[in-house]
C-alpha atoms as a PDB file:
ATOM      1  CA  PRO A   1      15.864   1.160 -29.140  1.00  0.00           C
ATOM      2  CA  VAL A   2      14.033   0.941 -25.832  1.00  0.00           C
ATOM      3  CA  ASN A   3      12.200  -2.269 -25.041  1.00  0.00           C
ATOM      4  CA  VAL A   4       8.890  -0.771 -23.869  1.00  0.00           C
ATOM      5  CA  THR A   5       7.366  -4.156 -23.049  1.00  0.00           C
ATOM      6  CA  GLY A   6      10.309  -5.056 -20.838  1.00  0.00           C
ATOM      7  CA  MET A   7      10.221  -1.667 -19.118  1.00  0.00           C
ATOM      8  CA  ARG A   8       6.490  -2.022 -18.509  1.00  0.00           C
ATOM      9  CA  LEU A   9       6.956  -5.487 -17.009  1.00  0.00           C
ATOM     10  CA  LEU A  10       9.782  -4.228 -14.821  1.00  0.00           C
ATOM     11  CA  SER A  11       7.644  -1.326 -13.579  1.00  0.00           C
ATOM     12  CA  HIS A  12       4.778  -3.702 -12.738  1.00  0.00           C
ATOM     13  CA  LEU A  13       7.144  -5.988 -10.837  1.00  0.00           C
ATOM     14  CA  LEU A  14       8.719  -3.110  -8.907  1.00  0.00           C
ATOM     15  CA  ILE A  15       5.381  -1.555  -7.967  1.00  0.00           C
ATOM     16  CA  ALA A  16       4.034  -4.942  -6.901  1.00  0.00           C
ATOM     17  CA  ALA A  17       7.151  -5.667  -4.824  1.00  0.00           C
ATOM     18  CA  LEU A  18       6.918  -2.262  -3.127  1.00  0.00           C
ATOM     19  CA  PHE A  19       3.276  -2.597  -2.105  1.00  0.00           C
ATOM     20  CA  ILE A  20       3.447  -6.282  -1.200  1.00  0.00           C
ATOM     21  CA  THR A  21       6.481  -5.605   0.998  1.00  0.00           C
ATOM     22  CA  ALA A  22       4.756  -2.643   2.627  1.00  0.00           C
ATOM     23  CA  GLY A  23       1.663  -4.763   3.216  1.00  0.00           C
ATOM     24  CA  VAL A  24       3.640  -7.617   4.755  1.00  0.00           C
ATOM     25  CA  LEU A  25       5.442  -5.164   7.034  1.00  0.00           C
ATOM     26  CA  HIS A  26       2.070  -4.192   8.476  1.00  0.00           C
ATOM     27  CA  PHE A  27       1.907  -7.756   9.873  1.00  0.00           C
ATOM     28  CA  VAL A  28       5.582  -8.184  10.730  1.00  0.00           C
ATOM     29  CA  ARG A  29       5.958  -4.845  12.574  1.00  0.00           C
ATOM     30  CA  PRO A  30       2.412  -3.777  13.487  1.00  0.00           C
ATOM     31  CA  SER A  31       3.590  -1.735  16.471  1.00  0.00           C
ATOM     32  CA  PHE A  32       5.419   0.638  14.122  1.00  0.00           C
ATOM     33  CA  PHE A  33       2.192   1.295  12.243  1.00  0.00           C
ATOM     34  CA  THR A  34      -0.208   1.408  15.209  1.00  0.00           C
ATOM     35  CA  ARG A  35       1.860   4.269  16.672  1.00  0.00           C
ATOM     36  CA  ILE A  36       1.062   6.441  13.683  1.00  0.00           C
ATOM     37  CA  VAL A  37      -2.678   5.759  13.556  1.00  0.00           C
ATOM     38  CA  PRO A  38      -4.467   8.919  14.717  1.00  0.00           C
ATOM     39  CA  PRO A  39      -6.040   8.391  18.152  1.00  0.00           C
ATOM     40  CA  SER A  40      -9.428   9.478  16.824  1.00  0.00           C
ATOM     41  CA  LEU A  41      -9.634   6.285  14.752  1.00  0.00           C
ATOM     42  CA  PRO A  42     -10.911   3.144  16.492  1.00  0.00           C
ATOM     43  CA  GLN A  43      -9.049  -0.163  16.760  1.00  0.00           C
ATOM     44  CA  PRO A  44      -5.610   0.847  15.441  1.00  0.00           C
ATOM     45  CA  LEU A  45      -4.326  -2.736  15.206  1.00  0.00           C
ATOM     46  CA  LEU A  46      -7.300  -3.819  13.115  1.00  0.00           C
ATOM     47  CA  LEU A  47      -6.811  -0.804  10.844  1.00  0.00           C
ATOM     48  CA  VAL A  48      -3.134  -1.701  10.428  1.00  0.00           C
ATOM     49  CA  TYR A  49      -4.029  -5.270   9.459  1.00  0.00           C
ATOM     50  CA  VAL A  50      -6.726  -4.126   7.016  1.00  0.00           C
ATOM     51  CA  SER A  51      -4.243  -1.712   5.504  1.00  0.00           C
ATOM     52  CA  GLY A  52      -1.677  -4.503   5.198  1.00  0.00           C
ATOM     53  CA  VAL A  53      -4.150  -6.750   3.393  1.00  0.00           C
ATOM     54  CA  ALA A  54      -5.054  -3.876   1.056  1.00  0.00           C
ATOM     55  CA  GLY A  55      -1.394  -3.271   0.212  1.00  0.00           C
ATOM     56  CA  ILE A  56      -0.781  -6.953  -0.494  1.00  0.00           C
ATOM     57  CA  LEU A  57      -3.923  -7.341  -2.613  1.00  0.00           C
ATOM     58  CA  GLY A  58      -3.132  -4.163  -4.542  1.00  0.00           C
ATOM     59  CA  GLY A  59       0.419  -5.316  -5.197  1.00  0.00           C
ATOM     60  CA  VAL A  60      -0.773  -8.704  -6.436  1.00  0.00           C
ATOM     61  CA  GLY A  61      -3.515  -7.025  -8.462  1.00  0.00           C
ATOM     62  CA  VAL A  62      -0.942  -4.968 -10.356  1.00  0.00           C
ATOM     63  CA  LEU A  63       0.563  -8.218 -11.650  1.00  0.00           C
ATOM     64  CA  VAL A  64      -2.731  -9.507 -13.083  1.00  0.00           C
ATOM     65  CA  PRO A  65      -3.611  -7.812 -16.373  1.00  0.00           C
ATOM     66  CA  THR A  66      -7.386  -8.034 -15.819  1.00  0.00           C
ATOM     67  CA  THR A  67      -7.186  -6.366 -12.395  1.00  0.00           C
ATOM     68  CA  ARG A  68      -4.264  -3.998 -13.000  1.00  0.00           C
ATOM     69  CA  VAL A  69      -6.273  -0.811 -13.563  1.00  0.00           C
ATOM     70  CA  TRP A  70      -8.561  -1.346 -10.563  1.00  0.00           C
ATOM     71  CA  ALA A  71      -5.597  -2.348  -8.417  1.00  0.00           C
ATOM     72  CA  GLY A  72      -3.936   0.889  -9.460  1.00  0.00           C
ATOM     73  CA  TYR A  73      -6.967   2.907  -8.382  1.00  0.00           C
ATOM     74  CA  GLY A  74      -7.046   1.007  -5.097  1.00  0.00           C
ATOM     75  CA  LEU A  75      -3.370   1.675  -4.465  1.00  0.00           C
ATOM     76  CA  ILE A  76      -3.838   5.360  -5.208  1.00  0.00           C
ATOM     77  CA  ALA A  77      -6.631   5.443  -2.618  1.00  0.00           C
ATOM     78  CA  TRP A  78      -4.367   3.502  -0.213  1.00  0.00           C
ATOM     79  CA  LEU A  79      -1.657   6.140  -0.637  1.00  0.00           C
ATOM     80  CA  VAL A  80      -4.079   9.051  -0.253  1.00  0.00           C
ATOM     81  CA  LEU A  81      -5.424   7.566   2.986  1.00  0.00           C
ATOM     82  CA  HIS A  82      -1.930   6.936   4.333  1.00  0.00           C
ATOM     83  CA  HIS A  83      -0.550  10.312   3.392  1.00  0.00           C
ATOM     84  CA  GLY A  84      -3.715  12.044   4.531  1.00  0.00           C
ATOM     85  CA  TRP A  85      -2.491  11.318   8.065  1.00  0.00           C
ATOM     86  CA  GLY A  86       0.669  13.331   7.438  1.00  0.00           C
ATOM     87  CA  PRO A  87      -0.633  16.597   8.898  1.00  0.00           C
ATOM     88  CA  TRP A  88      -1.744  14.763  12.053  1.00  0.00           C
ATOM     89  CA  LEU A  89       1.700  13.215  12.396  1.00  0.00           C
ATOM     90  CA  GLN A  90       3.376  16.610  12.166  1.00  0.00           C
ATOM     91  CA  ILE A  91       1.107  18.096  14.815  1.00  0.00           C
ATOM     92  CA  SER A  92       1.448  15.278  17.341  1.00  0.00           C
END
C-alpha cells in the first residue's frame, strides 16, 4: 500500500526546497538573473530581488498548512511571470 500522507509531505518538502533554493539564488547570483530581465522593464536588480523574496515566501508558504493553497497560487503566478519572458529570451 502507498503511504499517501508520506508522499504528500515529501512533495511539499520538495516543492518548498525547489522554490526556496531558486529564491535564494536570486540573491546569491543576481547578475545571472538581471541579464534575462527584458530591457523594457525598469530596475532589473530590484525586480530580481523582489522575485527572489517571492520565491522564498512561496516555498515557505507551501510548508504551512494554512497558507499552502494561497502559496500555491502565488507560485503559479511566479512561474507564469518567469516563463512569460521566454519568447523575449528567444528573440534577443
